[in-house]
Amino acid sequence: MNTIKKSASYIAFAFIGAIIALSLYSHLSSNDNKRVVLEEKPIQLTSYSQPAAPPQAQLPDLTQAAEKSVSAVVHITTKTKTNYFNGGNDIFEYFFGPRGNNRQEPQFSEAAGSGVIISEDGYIVTNNHMVDGAQDIDVILNDNRKFTAKVIGRDPNTDIALIKIEARNLTVLPWGDSDALKLGEWVLAVGNPFNLTSTVTAGIVSAKSRSIGIMSGKMPLESFIQTDAAVNPGNSGGALVNARGELVGINTAIASQTGSYSGYSFAIPVSIVHKVVEDLRKYGEVQRALLGVSIRDIDDKLAKEKKLDRTEGVYIAEVFQGGGAKVAGIKEGDIIVAINATKVNSMAQLQEQVGKYRPGDQVSVKVRRDGSEKIFDVTLKNTKGSTSIVKESLSLLGAEFGEISQKDKDRLNIDQGVQILKITSGKLKNVGVRPGFIITDVNKISVGSVEEIKRVISQSSDKKPVLIEGVYPDGKWTYYVFDLNE
């Protein structure tokens, strides 16, 4: 009996469990919005979505700047005469010519480089070393038109030259602001390396106010923009351009042990170029302004020697009598920290800032003295200690010059020369030169253009007299000697 009761109980429990299970299944099946999670970690599908990459900085678009620049950058080729004279140097030969037949037939060397058009009527800026001593200068535009150029002026101190071609409606590269350039900013180098015309390379500004000691003038001014844009022989005189297509420098040199690009190139900042070009165009000579001080970079050695608390600014080692700094109250031992509110921390930076101005201009000079800062207003002066504009050496001659006809060359048996058309007040009139005189040699160097006369005179010693030789139209040969400094 007991067994029957136990069996009935099991059957009842089983029946009740079955009813509960059926009710639960029915409830879950009727709810489509609910699902059973069977695993703690669901199985992943076989497709794979890669995580999005972090956003990257967008590179500048340099295409418009490049297209704009190539039309304003020209190819320049030159011929320079060599081996003018192979004689001795004694005083007799200096004034009366070589004894014996020591003259050689002139030989020519050829060079090629670049230039930048800065005016619609044909003014072009390039490097001085590109045109120095050149007899023939040819300019080839981006559209393959070819022109003969004449030199307007040169400045060995900055390695800048201004030349001109007779053309109109040329594409011009606008002036930019080299002072606003930042380290890491993208720039383009545009030129004609290895005679590969209209070549554009890109890089960044690696350094500013760099001095590398390559200028050949008596008062060199170096404050280069250093870039890693590829520059090679033939790029000299070409454009350094910012991303807006503005001229910010003139490519001039590379640092290389092979003669080809090795990663470092140097450009003259447009802050210097613009001022030099305007001076050459207006005065024929660069008007160099001076503070009237001798300066030194401050390194750790100087700081310890002079007991300076920091290595910032430019140390004044000497203040010259009569100079603008002396008059303003600046003293030896002062440290220049700014020019017109622009900080300067090296000789190159200081020279770049002062190089923007002309004699007679006034600049604000901030110096640090005895731990405090003082500001002085300094009137800049020229190399002769005054505030007047310095005239170029050629203007001191007091003459108007012209070319010689081939008929006169044949009649007088001369290859080249420059004829004096008119005499005004100046050195030539003082020594008795008359109109019509044809200058064939200056300081024993043959000349065939006004630019060659200017070049020879500008390179002569200040203490040495100038000797000119030539012939009058009647065939009479003679010479004249004069001193430019008297």
Protein backbone atom coordinates (compact mmCIF):
# COMPACT_ATOMS: atom_id res chain seq x y z
CA MET A 1 0.00 0.00 0.00
CA ASN A 2 2.81 2.29 0.95
CA THR A 3 4.54 1.47 -2.29
CA ILE A 4 1.44 2.46 -4.26
CA LYS A 5 1.25 5.79 -2.42
CA LYS A 6 4.90 6.59 -3.12
CA SER A 7 4.47 5.84 -6.81
CA ALA A 8 1.41 8.06 -6.97
CA SER A 9 3.36 10.88 -5.34
CA TYR A 10 6.20 10.62 -7.89
CA ILE A 11 3.71 10.65 -10.72
CA ALA A 12 2.00 13.70 -9.29
CA PHE A 13 5.30 15.61 -8.91
CA ALA A 14 6.33 14.65 -12.42
CA PHE A 15 2.97 15.77 -13.81
CA ILE A 16 3.17 19.12 -12.01
CA GLY A 17 6.78 19.64 -13.23
CA ALA A 18 5.73 18.91 -16.80
CA ILE A 19 2.91 21.46 -16.58
CA ILE A 20 5.32 24.11 -15.25
CA ALA A 21 7.88 23.37 -18.01
CA LEU A 22 5.24 23.58 -20.72
CA SER A 23 3.96 26.89 -19.34
CA LEU A 24 7.49 28.38 -19.24
CA TYR A 25 8.32 27.23 -22.79
CA SER A 26 5.06 28.66 -24.08
CA HIS A 27 5.78 32.00 -22.41
CA LEU A 28 9.33 32.29 -23.79
CA SER A 29 8.34 31.27 -27.27
CA SER A 30 5.59 33.86 -27.48
CA ASN A 31 7.99 36.80 -26.61
CA ASP A 32 9.98 37.66 -29.77
CA ASN A 33 11.73 40.66 -28.15
CA LYS A 34 13.56 38.51 -25.58
CA ARG A 35 16.40 36.01 -26.09
CA VAL A 36 18.30 33.66 -23.89
CA VAL A 37 22.01 34.35 -23.41
CA LEU A 38 23.61 30.97 -23.61
CA GLU A 39 27.23 32.00 -22.99
CA GLU A 40 28.98 34.46 -20.84
CA LYS A 41 31.13 35.42 -23.89
CA PRO A 42 29.11 35.35 -27.14
CA ILE A 43 30.70 33.81 -30.20
CA GLN A 44 32.24 36.49 -32.55
CA LEU A 45 31.43 36.63 -36.26
CA THR A 46 34.28 35.87 -38.68
CA SER A 47 34.28 39.37 -40.27
CA TYR A 48 36.77 41.88 -38.74
CA SER A 49 36.45 45.65 -38.47
CA GLN A 50 39.83 47.42 -38.05
CA PRO A 51 39.81 50.28 -35.52
CA ALA A 52 39.91 53.70 -37.13
CA ALA A 53 43.44 55.18 -37.38
CA PRO A 54 44.07 58.35 -35.39
CA PRO A 55 43.72 61.51 -37.50
CA GLN A 56 46.97 62.82 -39.06
CA ALA A 57 48.06 66.41 -39.70
CA GLN A 58 47.25 67.41 -43.26
CA LEU A 59 50.26 68.36 -45.42
CA PRO A 60 50.09 71.75 -47.14
CA ASP A 61 49.08 71.93 -50.79
CA LEU A 62 52.15 73.37 -52.56
CA THR A 63 50.91 72.95 -56.12
CA GLN A 64 49.69 76.53 -56.61
CA ALA A 65 52.84 78.00 -55.10
CA ALA A 66 54.95 75.81 -57.40
CA GLU A 67 53.01 76.69 -60.56
CA LYS A 68 53.13 80.37 -59.69
CA SER A 69 56.87 80.33 -58.97
CA VAL A 70 58.23 78.55 -62.04
CA SER A 71 56.91 81.30 -64.32
CA ALA A 72 58.77 83.97 -62.32
CA VAL A 73 62.09 82.12 -62.01
CA VAL A 74 64.51 82.42 -64.93
CA HIS A 75 67.51 80.51 -66.22
CA ILE A 76 70.71 82.60 -66.41
CA THR A 77 73.83 81.75 -68.43
CA THR A 78 77.01 83.84 -68.38
CA LYS A 79 80.36 84.11 -70.11
CA THR A 80 83.28 85.52 -68.16
CA LYS A 81 86.60 86.54 -69.65
CA THR A 82 89.73 85.09 -68.08
CA ASN A 83 93.48 85.53 -68.56
CA TYR A 84 93.41 89.25 -69.28
CA PHE A 85 97.12 89.74 -68.70
CA ASN A 86 100.14 87.61 -67.99
CA GLY A 87 102.82 90.14 -67.15
CA GLY A 88 104.89 91.31 -64.21
CA ASN A 89 103.94 93.63 -61.37
CA ASP A 90 106.65 96.26 -61.13
CA ILE A 91 105.76 99.94 -60.93
CA PHE A 92 106.78 100.63 -64.54
CA GLU A 93 104.38 98.01 -65.90
CA TYR A 94 101.62 99.24 -63.56
CA PHE A 95 101.62 102.74 -65.06
CA PHE A 96 103.02 102.28 -68.59
CA GLY A 97 102.04 98.76 -69.56
CA PRO A 98 103.85 95.45 -69.91
CA ARG A 99 107.32 95.26 -71.39
CA GLY A 100 107.34 92.81 -74.24
CA ASN A 101 104.48 90.80 -75.65
CA ASN A 102 102.85 89.43 -72.51
CA ARG A 103 99.21 89.74 -73.51
CA GLN A 104 97.18 86.64 -74.20
CA GLU A 105 94.09 86.06 -76.23
CA PRO A 106 91.16 86.22 -73.79
CA GLN A 107 89.50 82.99 -72.83
CA PHE A 108 85.95 82.57 -71.58
CA SER A 109 84.41 80.46 -68.86
CA GLU A 110 80.70 79.70 -68.84
CA ALA A 111 78.36 79.38 -65.89
CA ALA A 112 74.65 78.84 -65.34
CA GLY A 113 72.25 79.64 -62.54
CA SER A 114 68.90 81.17 -61.75
CA GLY A 115 67.16 84.48 -61.09
CA VAL A 116 63.81 85.80 -59.90
CA ILE A 117 61.66 88.35 -61.74
CA ILE A 118 60.63 91.11 -59.33
CA SER A 119 59.03 93.62 -61.71
CA GLU A 120 56.86 93.39 -64.81
CA ASP A 121 59.33 95.52 -66.78
CA GLY A 122 62.28 93.15 -66.44
CA TYR A 123 64.16 93.66 -63.16
CA ILE A 124 65.62 90.37 -61.95
CA VAL A 125 67.41 89.55 -58.70
CA THR A 126 70.15 86.91 -58.62
CA ASN A 127 73.43 86.16 -56.84
CA ASN A 128 76.42 88.45 -57.23
CA HIS A 129 78.70 85.47 -57.83
CA MET A 130 76.54 84.59 -60.84
CA VAL A 131 77.28 87.81 -62.77
CA ASP A 132 80.53 89.10 -61.25
CA GLY A 133 82.90 89.80 -64.13
CA ALA A 134 80.54 88.41 -66.77
CA GLN A 135 80.82 89.85 -70.28
CA ASP A 136 77.64 88.24 -71.57
CA ILE A 137 74.52 87.53 -69.52
CA ASP A 138 71.62 85.70 -71.13
CA VAL A 139 68.24 85.20 -69.48
CA ILE A 140 65.87 82.43 -70.60
CA LEU A 141 62.28 82.69 -69.39
CA ASN A 142 60.08 79.74 -68.50
CA ASP A 143 58.37 80.11 -71.91
CA ASN A 144 61.82 79.75 -73.59
CA ARG A 145 62.12 83.39 -74.68
CA LYS A 146 65.72 84.57 -74.48
CA PHE A 147 67.02 88.05 -73.58
CA THR A 148 70.37 89.75 -73.05
CA ALA A 149 70.62 91.28 -69.59
CA LYS A 150 72.61 94.21 -68.24
CA VAL A 151 73.83 94.57 -64.67
CA ILE A 152 72.20 97.38 -62.68
CA GLY A 153 74.24 96.82 -59.53
CA ARG A 154 76.01 94.26 -57.37
CA ASP A 155 76.74 93.81 -53.68
CA PRO A 156 79.49 91.34 -52.73
CA ASN A 157 78.71 91.84 -49.03
CA THR A 158 75.34 90.09 -49.39
CA ASP A 159 75.97 88.23 -52.68
CA ILE A 160 73.02 89.97 -54.31
CA ALA A 161 72.93 91.42 -57.83
CA LEU A 162 70.23 93.23 -59.79
CA ILE A 163 70.03 92.77 -63.54
CA LYS A 164 67.52 93.90 -66.16
CA ILE A 165 66.12 92.70 -69.46
CA GLU A 166 64.04 94.70 -71.95
CA ALA A 167 60.68 93.03 -71.63
CA ARG A 168 57.13 93.84 -70.54
CA ASN A 169 54.23 92.15 -68.75
CA LEU A 170 56.41 89.55 -67.08
CA THR A 171 55.19 87.25 -64.30
CA VAL A 172 56.38 88.60 -60.95
CA LEU A 173 57.00 86.73 -57.71
CA PRO A 174 55.62 88.89 -54.86
CA TRP A 175 57.72 89.76 -51.84
CA GLY A 176 57.06 87.72 -48.70
CA ASP A 177 58.10 88.18 -45.08
CA SER A 178 61.19 86.19 -44.10
CA ASP A 179 60.96 87.44 -40.52
CA ALA A 180 57.63 85.62 -40.18
CA LEU A 181 59.08 82.25 -41.23
CA LYS A 182 58.91 79.60 -38.52
CA LEU A 183 61.09 76.59 -37.95
CA GLY A 184 59.44 73.57 -39.54
CA GLU A 185 57.49 75.68 -42.05
CA TRP A 186 57.25 74.24 -45.56
CA VAL A 187 59.15 76.04 -48.35
CA LEU A 188 59.96 75.45 -52.02
CA ALA A 189 63.30 75.87 -53.77
CA VAL A 190 62.76 76.85 -57.41
CA GLY A 191 65.60 77.03 -59.92
CA ASN A 192 67.61 75.30 -62.63
CA PRO A 193 69.97 72.75 -61.06
CA PHE A 194 72.37 71.11 -63.52
CA ASN A 195 70.56 73.06 -66.30
CA LEU A 196 67.34 71.20 -65.52
CA THR A 197 65.04 74.18 -66.01
CA SER A 198 62.03 74.98 -63.86
CA THR A 199 62.80 72.48 -61.11
CA VAL A 200 60.87 72.61 -57.84
CA THR A 201 61.90 70.88 -54.61
CA ALA A 202 60.29 71.06 -51.17
CA GLY A 203 61.55 71.06 -47.61
CA ILE A 204 61.19 72.78 -44.29
CA VAL A 205 62.93 75.70 -42.61
CA SER A 206 65.66 74.03 -40.55
CA ALA A 207 67.24 77.13 -38.99
CA LYS A 208 67.33 80.91 -39.29
CA SER A 209 70.02 83.58 -38.94
CA ARG A 210 72.75 81.12 -39.91
CA SER A 211 76.28 82.44 -40.59
CA ILE A 212 78.59 80.18 -42.63
CA GLY A 213 81.42 82.55 -43.62
CA ILE A 214 81.18 82.54 -47.42
CA MET A 215 80.66 86.22 -48.32
CA SER A 216 83.51 87.92 -50.17
CA GLY A 217 82.82 91.59 -49.45
CA LYS A 218 84.70 93.93 -47.14
CA MET A 219 81.73 94.07 -44.74
CA PRO A 220 80.01 90.69 -45.17
CA LEU A 221 76.42 90.36 -44.00
CA GLU A 222 75.29 86.78 -43.40
CA SER A 223 72.02 85.67 -41.85
CA PHE A 224 70.93 82.71 -43.96
CA ILE A 225 67.72 80.73 -43.89
CA GLN A 226 68.73 77.07 -43.67
CA THR A 227 66.41 74.51 -45.28
CA ASP A 228 66.47 70.86 -46.25
CA ALA A 229 64.97 71.56 -49.69
CA ALA A 230 67.25 69.98 -52.30
CA VAL A 231 69.50 72.65 -53.89
CA ASN A 232 72.31 71.91 -56.36
CA PRO A 233 74.70 73.83 -58.65
CA GLY A 234 72.49 75.90 -60.93
CA ASN A 235 70.04 76.83 -58.17
CA SER A 236 72.14 79.89 -57.28
CA GLY A 237 69.98 82.99 -57.53
CA GLY A 238 66.75 81.00 -57.55
CA ALA A 239 63.73 81.47 -55.34
CA LEU A 240 62.91 80.20 -51.88
CA VAL A 241 59.12 80.37 -51.73
CA ASN A 242 56.61 79.88 -48.92
CA ALA A 243 53.37 77.90 -49.23
CA ARG A 244 51.52 81.05 -50.36
CA GLY A 245 53.80 81.48 -53.38
CA GLU A 246 55.70 84.48 -51.94
CA LEU A 247 59.44 85.08 -52.26
CA VAL A 248 61.10 84.65 -48.85
CA GLY A 249 64.72 84.11 -49.90
CA ILE A 250 67.31 83.77 -52.65
CA ASN A 251 69.01 80.36 -52.74
CA THR A 252 72.75 80.85 -52.56
CA ALA A 253 74.79 77.99 -51.12
CA ILE A 254 74.87 74.37 -50.01
CA ALA A 255 76.90 72.62 -47.32
CA SER A 256 78.52 69.73 -49.12
CA GLN A 257 81.78 67.79 -49.29
CA THR A 258 81.00 66.56 -52.80
CA GLY A 259 79.72 69.70 -54.53
CA SER A 260 76.20 68.28 -54.71
CA TYR A 261 73.30 68.46 -52.30
CA SER A 262 73.94 66.74 -48.97
CA GLY A 263 70.95 67.88 -46.95
CA TYR A 264 71.75 71.50 -46.12
CA SER A 265 70.97 74.54 -48.27
CA PHE A 266 71.09 78.25 -47.49
CA ALA A 267 69.09 81.22 -48.74
CA ILE A 268 69.50 84.97 -48.23
CA PRO A 269 66.36 86.20 -46.40
CA VAL A 270 64.13 88.52 -48.39
CA SER A 271 64.35 91.12 -45.60
CA ILE A 272 67.93 91.72 -46.75
CA VAL A 273 67.32 91.11 -50.46
CA HIS A 274 64.53 93.67 -50.75
CA LYS A 275 66.56 96.45 -49.16
CA VAL A 276 69.68 95.71 -51.22
CA VAL A 277 67.67 95.64 -54.46
CA GLU A 278 65.98 98.96 -53.69
CA ASP A 279 69.36 100.55 -52.94
CA LEU A 280 70.91 99.24 -56.15
CA ARG A 281 67.94 100.40 -58.16
CA LYS A 282 67.80 103.87 -56.60
CA TYR A 283 71.43 104.70 -55.75
CA GLY A 284 73.53 102.21 -57.72
CA GLU A 285 75.21 101.15 -54.46
CA VAL A 286 74.04 99.60 -51.21
CA GLN A 287 73.61 102.13 -48.41
CA ARG A 288 75.05 100.24 -45.44
CA ALA A 289 73.96 101.52 -42.04
CA LEU A 290 76.08 100.95 -38.94
CA LEU A 291 75.45 101.11 -35.19
CA GLY A 292 79.06 102.03 -34.54
CA VAL A 293 79.98 99.10 -32.27
CA SER A 294 82.13 95.98 -32.29
CA ILE A 295 80.12 92.96 -31.18
CA ARG A 296 80.62 89.36 -30.04
CA ASP A 297 78.38 86.35 -29.67
CA ILE A 298 77.89 85.34 -26.04
CA ASP A 299 79.02 81.79 -25.37
CA ASP A 300 79.76 80.05 -22.10
CA LYS A 301 83.40 81.14 -22.14
CA LEU A 302 82.57 84.83 -22.59
CA ALA A 303 79.80 84.62 -19.99
CA LYS A 304 82.28 83.29 -17.41
CA GLU A 305 84.94 85.82 -18.41
CA LYS A 306 82.60 88.79 -18.12
CA LYS A 307 80.62 87.28 -15.21
CA LEU A 308 77.34 87.36 -17.12
CA ASP A 309 74.35 85.65 -15.59
CA ARG A 310 73.01 84.39 -18.93
CA THR A 311 74.11 83.69 -22.50
CA GLU A 312 71.43 85.78 -24.20
CA GLY A 313 71.85 88.79 -26.47
CA VAL A 314 74.92 90.21 -28.24
CA TYR A 315 77.88 91.57 -26.28
CA ILE A 316 79.29 95.02 -27.15
CA ALA A 317 83.09 94.72 -27.08
CA GLU A 318 83.78 98.28 -28.25
CA VAL A 319 81.89 101.50 -28.96
CA PHE A 320 83.42 103.65 -31.72
CA GLN A 321 83.90 107.38 -31.35
CA GLY A 322 81.49 109.37 -33.49
CA GLY A 323 79.20 106.40 -34.08
CA GLY A 324 75.48 106.43 -33.51
CA ALA A 325 75.69 104.12 -30.47
CA LYS A 326 78.25 106.37 -28.73
CA VAL A 327 76.14 109.47 -29.31
CA ALA A 328 73.04 107.69 -27.96
CA GLY A 329 74.77 106.63 -24.73
CA ILE A 330 75.45 102.94 -25.32
CA LYS A 331 78.56 101.69 -23.53
CA GLU A 332 81.12 98.92 -23.84
CA GLY A 333 79.90 95.87 -21.93
CA ASP A 334 76.24 96.53 -22.70
CA ILE A 335 74.33 93.57 -24.10
CA ILE A 336 71.98 94.21 -27.03
CA VAL A 337 68.83 92.11 -26.64
CA ALA A 338 66.48 93.68 -29.22
CA ILE A 339 66.37 95.99 -32.24
CA ASN A 340 63.02 97.72 -32.73
CA ALA A 341 61.39 95.19 -30.39
CA THR A 342 62.76 92.23 -32.38
CA LYS A 343 64.84 89.97 -30.16
CA VAL A 344 68.43 89.31 -31.22
CA ASN A 345 70.53 86.52 -29.78
CA SER A 346 73.45 86.36 -32.21
CA MET A 347 75.64 88.60 -34.35
CA ALA A 348 73.88 87.30 -37.47
CA GLN A 349 70.45 88.22 -36.10
CA LEU A 350 71.67 91.68 -35.09
CA GLN A 351 73.27 92.34 -38.47
CA GLU A 352 70.13 91.18 -40.28
CA GLN A 353 67.95 93.62 -38.34
CA VAL A 354 70.30 96.59 -38.75
CA GLY A 355 70.87 95.65 -42.41
CA LYS A 356 67.27 96.61 -43.21
CA TYR A 357 68.01 100.30 -42.65
CA ARG A 358 69.92 103.12 -44.31
CA PRO A 359 72.21 105.82 -42.90
CA GLY A 360 70.10 108.46 -41.17
CA ASP A 361 67.43 105.99 -40.06
CA GLN A 362 66.74 105.72 -36.33
CA VAL A 363 66.37 102.39 -34.55
CA SER A 364 65.37 101.51 -31.01
CA VAL A 365 68.09 99.47 -29.30
CA LYS A 366 67.28 97.61 -26.08
CA VAL A 367 70.33 96.73 -23.99
CA ARG A 368 70.86 94.96 -20.70
CA ARG A 369 73.20 96.81 -18.33
CA ASP A 370 73.92 95.86 -14.72
CA GLY A 371 70.92 93.55 -14.58
CA SER A 372 68.38 96.06 -15.90
CA GLU A 373 67.17 96.90 -19.40
CA LYS A 374 67.48 100.28 -21.07
CA ILE A 375 66.27 101.54 -24.45
CA PHE A 376 68.32 103.91 -26.64
CA ASP A 377 67.28 105.61 -29.88
CA VAL A 378 70.28 105.31 -32.21
CA THR A 379 70.72 107.21 -35.48
CA LEU A 380 72.56 104.93 -37.89
CA LYS A 381 75.55 106.22 -39.86
CA ASN A 382 77.39 105.18 -43.02
CA THR A 383 80.91 103.80 -43.36
CA LYS A 384 82.33 107.32 -43.45
CA GLY A 385 80.67 108.28 -40.16
CA SER A 386 77.91 110.50 -41.55
CA THR A 387 74.21 110.08 -42.24
CA SER A 388 74.39 111.06 -45.93
CA ILE A 389 73.82 108.75 -48.88
CA VAL A 390 77.08 107.30 -50.23
CA LYS A 391 77.56 107.69 -53.98
CA GLU A 392 78.83 104.80 -56.03
CA SER A 393 82.44 105.03 -57.21
CA LEU A 394 81.41 105.34 -60.85
CA SER A 395 79.37 108.48 -60.21
CA LEU A 396 82.47 110.11 -58.76
CA LEU A 397 84.10 109.95 -62.19
CA GLY A 398 81.64 112.53 -63.51
CA ALA A 399 80.96 111.23 -67.01
CA GLU A 400 78.36 109.80 -69.32
CA PHE A 401 79.42 106.68 -71.21
CA GLY A 402 78.43 105.06 -74.47
CA GLU A 403 79.25 102.12 -76.72
CA ILE A 404 81.80 102.16 -79.55
CA SER A 405 80.72 101.35 -83.08
CA GLN A 406 82.35 98.42 -84.82
CA LYS A 407 83.61 100.85 -87.47
CA ASP A 408 85.55 102.83 -84.85
CA LYS A 409 86.90 99.60 -83.31
CA ASP A 410 88.27 98.54 -86.69
CA ARG A 411 89.69 101.98 -87.43
CA LEU A 412 91.46 102.24 -84.06
CA ASN A 413 92.43 98.55 -84.03
CA ILE A 414 90.82 97.81 -80.66
CA ASP A 415 88.66 94.88 -79.58
CA GLN A 416 86.58 96.68 -76.95
CA GLY A 417 86.31 99.77 -74.78
CA VAL A 418 83.91 102.34 -73.35
CA GLN A 419 83.63 105.83 -74.81
CA ILE A 420 83.13 108.98 -72.74
CA LEU A 421 80.30 110.98 -74.32
CA LYS A 422 80.12 113.82 -71.83
CA ILE A 423 82.27 115.16 -68.98
CA THR A 424 80.71 116.70 -65.87
CA SER A 425 82.20 117.65 -62.51
CA GLY A 426 84.25 114.78 -61.15
CA LYS A 427 87.56 112.93 -61.10
CA LEU A 428 87.93 112.63 -64.89
CA LYS A 429 87.51 116.35 -65.47
CA ASN A 430 90.02 117.11 -62.72
CA VAL A 431 92.77 115.08 -64.44
CA GLY A 432 92.06 116.50 -67.89
CA VAL A 433 90.06 113.77 -69.63
CA ARG A 434 88.14 115.13 -72.66
CA PRO A 435 84.91 113.91 -74.25
CA GLY A 436 85.45 111.21 -76.87
CA PHE A 437 88.15 109.39 -74.91
CA ILE A 438 87.80 105.61 -75.15
CA ILE A 439 88.72 103.73 -71.99
CA THR A 440 90.23 100.36 -72.89
CA ASP A 441 91.88 99.37 -69.58
CA VAL A 442 91.38 100.16 -65.89
CA ASN A 443 94.19 99.15 -63.52
CA LYS A 444 95.66 97.01 -66.33
CA ILE A 445 92.39 95.09 -66.83
CA SER A 446 90.63 95.28 -70.19
CA VAL A 447 87.11 96.69 -70.01
CA GLY A 448 84.26 96.62 -72.50
CA SER A 449 81.31 97.93 -70.51
CA VAL A 450 80.39 100.45 -67.83
CA GLU A 451 79.75 97.58 -65.44
CA GLU A 452 83.28 96.27 -65.95
CA ILE A 453 84.72 99.71 -65.15
CA LYS A 454 82.64 99.85 -61.99
CA ARG A 455 83.64 96.34 -60.99
CA VAL A 456 87.37 96.97 -61.38
CA ILE A 457 87.24 100.27 -59.52
CA SER A 458 85.15 98.87 -56.68
CA GLN A 459 87.61 95.99 -56.20
CA SER A 460 90.69 98.22 -56.13
CA SER A 461 92.34 99.17 -52.86
CA ASP A 462 91.12 102.37 -51.21
CA LYS A 463 94.73 103.53 -50.88
CA LYS A 464 95.76 102.74 -54.44
CA PRO A 465 95.29 105.24 -57.29
CA VAL A 466 93.15 104.37 -60.29
CA LEU A 467 94.89 104.06 -63.65
CA ILE A 468 92.85 104.36 -66.85
CA GLU A 469 94.28 103.83 -70.32
CA GLY A 470 92.76 104.41 -73.73
CA VAL A 471 92.70 106.21 -77.02
CA TYR A 472 91.10 109.35 -78.48
CA PRO A 473 89.19 109.19 -81.79
CA ASP A 474 92.21 110.72 -83.58
CA GLY A 475 94.30 107.69 -82.61
CA LYS A 476 96.27 109.26 -79.76
CA TRP A 477 96.88 106.80 -76.90
CA THR A 478 97.27 108.10 -73.35
CA TYR A 479 96.62 107.32 -69.70
CA TYR A 480 95.35 109.13 -66.57
CA VAL A 481 95.87 108.51 -62.85
CA PHE A 482 93.65 109.77 -60.05
CA ASP A 483 92.69 109.01 -56.45
CA LEU A 484 89.05 108.37 -55.66
CA ASN A 485 89.45 109.39 -52.01
CA GLU A 486 90.80 112.88 -52.62
